[in-house]
Structure formats: C-alpha cells, structure tokens
Protein backbone atom coordinates (compact mmCIF):
# COMPACT_ATOMS: atom_id res chain seq x y z
CA UNK A 1 -24.52 -13.33 -0.73
CA UNK A 2 -26.48 -11.75 1.55
CA UNK A 3 -26.56 -8.25 2.79
CA UNK A 4 -24.07 -7.32 5.05
CA UNK A 5 -25.70 -6.89 8.64
CA UNK A 6 -25.32 -3.85 11.37
CA UNK A 7 -22.90 -6.66 13.84
CA UNK A 8 -20.90 -7.40 10.67
CA UNK A 9 -20.17 -3.89 9.90
CA UNK A 10 -19.78 -3.10 14.19
CA UNK A 11 -17.27 -6.61 14.04
CA UNK A 12 -14.93 -5.22 10.79
CA UNK A 13 -14.88 -1.90 12.88
CA UNK A 14 -13.55 -3.07 15.94
CA UNK A 15 -10.98 -5.33 13.90
CA UNK A 16 -9.88 -2.29 12.49
CA UNK A 17 -10.07 -0.35 15.68
CA UNK A 18 -12.42 1.70 14.28
CA UNK A 19 -15.06 3.90 17.35
CA UNK A 20 -18.05 4.39 15.17
CA UNK A 21 -21.41 5.73 16.51
CA UNK A 22 -24.66 4.23 15.97
CA UNK A 23 -25.40 6.44 13.01
CA UNK A 24 -22.22 5.53 11.43
CA UNK A 25 -23.28 1.94 11.76
CA UNK A 26 -26.45 2.54 9.72
CA UNK A 27 -24.40 4.61 7.16
CA UNK A 28 -21.70 1.82 6.39
CA UNK A 29 -24.19 -1.04 6.58
CA UNK A 30 -25.63 0.70 3.75
CA UNK A 31 -22.81 2.05 2.09
CA UNK A 32 -21.03 -1.73 1.96
CA UNK A 33 -24.22 -3.50 1.26
CA UNK A 34 -24.23 -1.61 -2.30
CA UNK A 35 -20.65 -2.59 -2.65
CA UNK A 36 -21.31 -6.12 -2.11
CA UNK A 37 -24.65 -5.96 -4.52
CA UNK A 38 -22.02 -4.10 -6.80
CA UNK A 39 -19.74 -6.62 -6.98
CA UNK A 40 -22.09 -9.37 -7.17
CA UNK A 41 -23.14 -7.64 -10.44
CA UNK A 42 -19.88 -7.75 -11.56
CA UNK A 43 -19.77 -11.70 -10.75
CA UNK A 44 -22.66 -12.19 -13.70
CA UNK A 45 -20.20 -10.83 -16.35
CA UNK A 46 -18.71 -13.40 -19.21
CA UNK A 47 -15.36 -13.24 -18.88
CA UNK A 48 -14.51 -16.40 -20.47
CA UNK A 49 -12.65 -14.69 -23.27
CA UNK A 50 -10.88 -12.26 -20.86
CA UNK A 51 -7.36 -12.59 -20.53
CA UNK A 52 -6.35 -12.32 -16.69
CA UNK A 53 -3.97 -9.30 -15.74
CA UNK A 54 -2.24 -8.42 -12.63
CA UNK A 55 -2.83 -4.34 -13.53
CA UNK A 56 -5.84 -2.44 -15.38
CA UNK A 57 -2.97 -0.76 -17.55
CA UNK A 58 -0.11 -1.77 -19.89
CA UNK A 59 2.93 -0.61 -17.15
CA UNK A 60 6.59 -0.51 -18.01
CA UNK A 61 9.28 -0.36 -16.42
CA UNK A 62 10.34 3.86 -16.96
CA UNK A 63 13.45 3.64 -15.18
CA UNK A 64 16.41 4.92 -16.67
CA UNK A 65 19.28 2.03 -18.10
CA UNK A 66 21.36 1.71 -15.42
CA UNK A 67 25.19 2.27 -16.53
CA UNK A 68 28.44 3.34 -14.45
CA UNK A 69 28.94 6.61 -14.25
CA UNK A 70 31.86 9.01 -12.63
CA UNK A 71 30.38 9.60 -9.20
CA UNK A 72 31.84 11.49 -5.88
CA UNK A 73 35.19 10.64 -4.85
CA UNK A 74 35.65 9.06 -1.18
CA UNK A 75 37.85 12.03 -0.09
CA UNK A 76 35.59 14.67 -1.41
CA UNK A 77 32.66 12.44 0.70
CA UNK A 78 34.32 12.66 3.57
CA UNK A 79 35.08 16.44 3.81
CA UNK A 80 31.25 16.24 4.41
CA UNK A 81 31.42 13.67 7.25
CA UNK A 82 31.12 15.52 11.01
CA UNK A 83 33.15 12.50 12.43
CA UNK A 84 35.09 9.87 10.86
CA UNK A 85 37.34 6.56 11.49
CA UNK A 86 39.63 4.95 9.35
CA UNK A 87 37.91 6.52 6.49
CA UNK A 88 34.47 6.04 6.87
CA UNK A 89 31.89 7.55 8.34
CA UNK A 90 31.39 7.33 12.47
CA UNK A 91 27.92 7.15 13.52
CA UNK A 92 26.30 6.40 16.95
CA UNK A 93 25.81 2.93 17.72
CA UNK A 94 21.94 1.72 17.74
CA UNK A 95 22.56 -1.79 19.28
CA UNK A 96 23.23 -1.82 22.68
C-alpha cells in the first residue's frame, strides 16, 4: 500500500468533523504513514498455526451467580415515592 497523502488526511479529518491546520496535516500524514507501514510489517508474520481470537486475553465472566434473594418490600419502596398512584410510582409524562 502506498503512503497516505495529505489530501487523504484532510479527507479523513473532514469526515471526522475535525478542523486541522496545515501543520497538523503534515504531522498526521507522517504519523498515519508510520502506522500503515507497521501494519504492513505485521502482515508479513506467519500466522498459519495461530488460533483466531476475539481478545488477546482469556476473559471469563466474573459476575456473581444470579440467585434469588430477599429484596425491599413494595410498601417500603413506595414510602420513598414523591408521587404514586394505585401502588405504582407516578412520573411526569415524556410522550406528547
């Protein structure tokens, strides 16, 4: 892949709604070109015996087990309601 051009950097900045100066265009052109060269270098690696992964770390679900337990009673919860009707919280309408 060829180096990234200043026009491409300006185009990407425009798509991202970024206002960048000519000095920043110069800097980003070099930086993005270096990133592309590094990515091309990685493409040369032999990955035939590497298993595909979705993440570099072996992640596991660390959440607690979902078990039923005693919770607040309805009457206690309704004591805190600033406005209630028929045993339910009454809130301002958000639909017109």
